[in-house]
Amino acid sequence: HSSVDCRYRAGSVHLEVAMLVYPNLRDPVLRAELGKGTGHNTYGEPAWPNDLLYMFPVCILAIVFLGFGQAVGLPIEVGEPADPFATPLEILPEWFLLPAFEILRAVPNKLLGIGGMVFIPVGLAFIPLLEASNPFANPIRRSVGTWLFVIGLFSALVLGYLSALPLG
């Protein structure tokens, strides 16, 4: 009894979905609604002004208000509160400047440290010139550029890790 009932329900749901997905465009009532512009947009209703003017602003404002509500109700604390009268023991730059900061911090002569930092963009600028004679686009066949990238990435990761360690 229940299996017949389930098959009947599945069949009726399938029939309803088929009726929703495939409308009868020969139906005079539906054609009249489409002619007045009151049909569903799947059947040819224009997006302006119905969706763009009435639905999109409602959705956008709802998302904005939800975001502001969460920001006001559940603020995220980023670290400890700042104390304007206390200087931190070690001031670190942003994460993307940590490798260059470690070069400057590790080299005893500051002029050599600045020269090492200048070498980074100059070296990056010369990589295309070194690879100009290689006609291949595959990175495996462009060995010089690939190895320079791997060595540069590894050294940047190591220098970034070392710069995050304390001085002592």
Protein backbone atom coordinates (compact mmCIF):
# COMPACT_ATOMS: atom_id res chain seq x y z
CA HIS A 1 0.00 0.00 0.00
CA SER A 2 2.73 2.46 0.94
CA SER A 3 4.91 1.69 -2.10
CA VAL A 4 2.00 2.46 -4.41
CA ASP A 5 1.35 5.67 -2.50
CA CYS A 6 5.04 6.67 -2.76
CA ARG A 7 5.09 5.97 -6.49
CA TYR A 8 1.94 8.03 -6.91
CA ARG A 9 3.46 10.92 -4.97
CA ALA A 10 6.72 10.72 -6.92
CA GLY A 11 4.77 10.68 -10.16
CA SER A 12 2.65 13.64 -9.14
CA VAL A 13 5.72 15.61 -8.06
CA HIS A 14 7.39 14.79 -11.37
CA LEU A 15 4.26 15.88 -13.21
CA GLU A 16 4.15 19.15 -11.25
CA VAL A 17 7.83 19.84 -11.94
CA ALA A 18 7.31 19.10 -15.61
CA MET A 19 4.36 21.47 -15.65
CA LEU A 20 6.45 24.17 -13.97
CA VAL A 21 9.47 23.70 -16.20
CA TYR A 22 7.61 23.25 -19.46
CA PRO A 23 4.71 25.72 -19.61
CA ASN A 24 2.01 25.37 -22.20
CA LEU A 25 2.66 28.45 -24.29
CA ARG A 26 -0.45 27.71 -26.37
CA ASP A 27 -2.65 28.39 -23.33
CA PRO A 28 -4.62 31.60 -24.04
CA VAL A 29 -4.67 32.63 -20.37
CA LEU A 30 -0.88 32.36 -20.09
CA ARG A 31 -0.43 34.18 -23.39
CA ALA A 32 -2.67 36.99 -22.13
CA GLU A 33 -0.64 37.28 -18.91
CA LEU A 34 2.60 37.32 -20.89
CA GLY A 35 1.17 39.98 -23.16
CA LYS A 36 0.36 42.18 -20.16
CA GLY A 37 3.84 41.64 -18.68
CA THR A 38 2.54 39.79 -15.65
CA GLY A 39 3.93 36.36 -16.50
CA HIS A 40 6.91 34.77 -14.85
CA ASN A 41 10.30 35.96 -16.11
CA THR A 42 11.12 32.43 -17.28
CA TYR A 43 8.38 32.86 -19.85
CA GLY A 44 9.69 36.10 -21.26
CA GLU A 45 9.02 38.77 -18.66
CA PRO A 46 11.68 41.48 -18.91
CA ALA A 47 14.05 41.98 -15.99
CA TRP A 48 13.40 45.73 -15.95
CA PRO A 49 11.66 46.99 -13.88
CA ASN A 50 10.35 43.93 -12.06
CA ASP A 51 13.55 42.24 -10.87
CA LEU A 52 16.08 45.03 -11.14
CA LEU A 53 13.97 47.72 -9.54
CA TYR A 54 12.06 45.79 -6.90
CA MET A 55 13.88 42.56 -6.02
CA PHE A 56 17.60 43.37 -6.27
CA PRO A 57 17.58 46.39 -3.92
CA VAL A 58 15.69 44.37 -1.32
CA CYS A 59 18.25 41.56 -1.49
CA ILE A 60 21.21 43.95 -1.46
CA LEU A 61 19.86 45.91 1.51
CA ALA A 62 19.12 42.69 3.39
CA ILE A 63 22.71 41.50 2.91
CA VAL A 64 24.10 44.90 3.94
CA PHE A 65 21.94 45.07 7.06
CA LEU A 66 22.83 41.49 8.00
CA GLY A 67 26.52 42.36 7.68
CA PHE A 68 26.20 45.53 9.73
CA GLY A 69 24.10 43.73 12.31
CA GLN A 70 26.76 41.09 12.76
CA ALA A 71 29.51 43.71 12.89
CA VAL A 72 27.72 45.68 15.60
CA GLY A 73 26.38 42.72 17.54
CA LEU A 74 29.42 40.45 17.37
CA PRO A 75 32.53 42.58 16.77
CA ILE A 76 35.76 40.71 16.09
CA GLU A 77 38.60 41.58 18.43
CA VAL A 78 41.88 41.68 16.54
CA GLY A 79 44.61 41.10 19.09
CA GLU A 80 44.92 43.00 22.31
CA PRO A 81 43.83 46.62 22.67
CA ALA A 82 46.48 49.15 21.73
CA ASP A 83 48.25 51.15 24.42
CA PRO A 84 49.35 54.52 22.97
CA PHE A 85 51.82 55.08 25.83
CA ALA A 86 53.75 51.80 25.48
CA THR A 87 56.16 51.07 22.65
CA PRO A 88 56.32 47.41 21.63
CA LEU A 89 59.63 45.62 22.10
CA GLU A 90 59.91 44.75 18.41
CA ILE A 91 58.06 46.45 15.59
CA LEU A 92 57.46 44.13 12.63
CA PRO A 93 56.38 45.18 9.14
CA GLU A 94 53.48 43.66 7.24
CA TRP A 95 53.75 39.99 6.28
CA PHE A 96 54.74 40.66 2.65
CA LEU A 97 57.72 42.80 3.76
CA LEU A 98 59.08 40.26 6.27
CA PRO A 99 61.69 38.67 3.90
CA ALA A 100 63.20 42.06 3.01
CA PHE A 101 63.09 43.04 6.68
CA GLU A 102 65.01 39.88 7.59
CA ILE A 103 67.68 40.70 4.98
CA LEU A 104 68.06 44.15 6.51
CA ARG A 105 68.12 42.72 10.03
CA ALA A 106 70.49 39.80 9.33
CA VAL A 107 73.22 41.64 7.39
CA PRO A 108 75.59 43.44 9.78
CA ASN A 109 76.46 46.22 7.33
CA LYS A 110 73.30 48.24 6.66
CA LEU A 111 74.52 49.41 3.24
CA LEU A 112 74.87 45.77 2.17
CA GLY A 113 71.41 45.08 3.61
CA ILE A 114 69.88 47.87 1.53
CA GLY A 115 71.79 46.56 -1.50
CA GLY A 116 70.33 43.11 -0.85
CA MET A 117 66.85 44.59 -0.70
CA VAL A 118 67.45 46.46 -3.98
CA PHE A 119 68.63 43.20 -5.57
CA ILE A 120 65.14 41.65 -5.13
CA PRO A 121 63.24 43.82 -7.69
CA VAL A 122 66.30 44.12 -9.94
CA GLY A 123 66.67 40.33 -9.98
CA LEU A 124 62.97 39.92 -10.70
CA ALA A 125 63.27 42.36 -13.61
CA PHE A 126 66.12 40.35 -15.17
CA ILE A 127 64.31 36.98 -15.16
CA PRO A 128 62.40 37.70 -18.41
CA LEU A 129 65.65 38.81 -20.06
CA LEU A 130 67.31 35.53 -19.10
CA GLU A 131 64.39 33.57 -20.52
CA ALA A 132 63.93 35.64 -23.71
CA SER A 133 65.84 33.15 -25.85
CA ASN A 134 63.70 30.19 -24.69
CA PRO A 135 60.74 29.65 -27.06
CA PHE A 136 58.86 27.22 -24.79
CA ALA A 137 55.89 28.21 -22.64
CA ASN A 138 55.94 25.08 -20.49
CA PRO A 139 57.57 25.89 -17.10
CA ILE A 140 59.27 22.49 -17.05
CA ARG A 141 61.08 23.36 -20.28
CA ARG A 142 62.03 26.84 -19.01
CA SER A 143 64.53 25.60 -16.48
CA VAL A 144 66.24 28.92 -15.62
CA GLY A 145 63.04 30.78 -14.78
CA THR A 146 61.53 27.80 -12.99
CA TRP A 147 64.58 27.28 -10.79
CA LEU A 148 64.85 31.00 -10.04
CA PHE A 149 61.19 30.98 -9.02
CA VAL A 150 61.61 27.92 -6.78
CA ILE A 151 64.78 29.28 -5.14
CA GLY A 152 63.22 32.74 -4.68
CA LEU A 153 60.02 31.31 -3.21
CA PHE A 154 61.91 29.03 -0.82
CA SER A 155 64.26 31.81 0.30
CA ALA A 156 61.33 34.23 0.78
CA LEU A 157 59.50 31.66 2.92
CA VAL A 158 62.61 30.97 5.02
CA LEU A 159 63.40 34.68 5.44
CA GLY A 160 59.78 35.41 6.34
CA TYR A 161 59.80 32.67 8.95
CA LEU A 162 63.12 33.86 10.41
CA SER A 163 61.95 37.46 10.60
CA ALA A 164 58.92 36.45 12.66
CA LEU A 165 61.18 34.89 15.30
CA PRO A 166 62.27 37.11 18.20
CA LEU A 167 65.73 38.69 18.12
CA GLY A 168 67.09 36.92 21.20
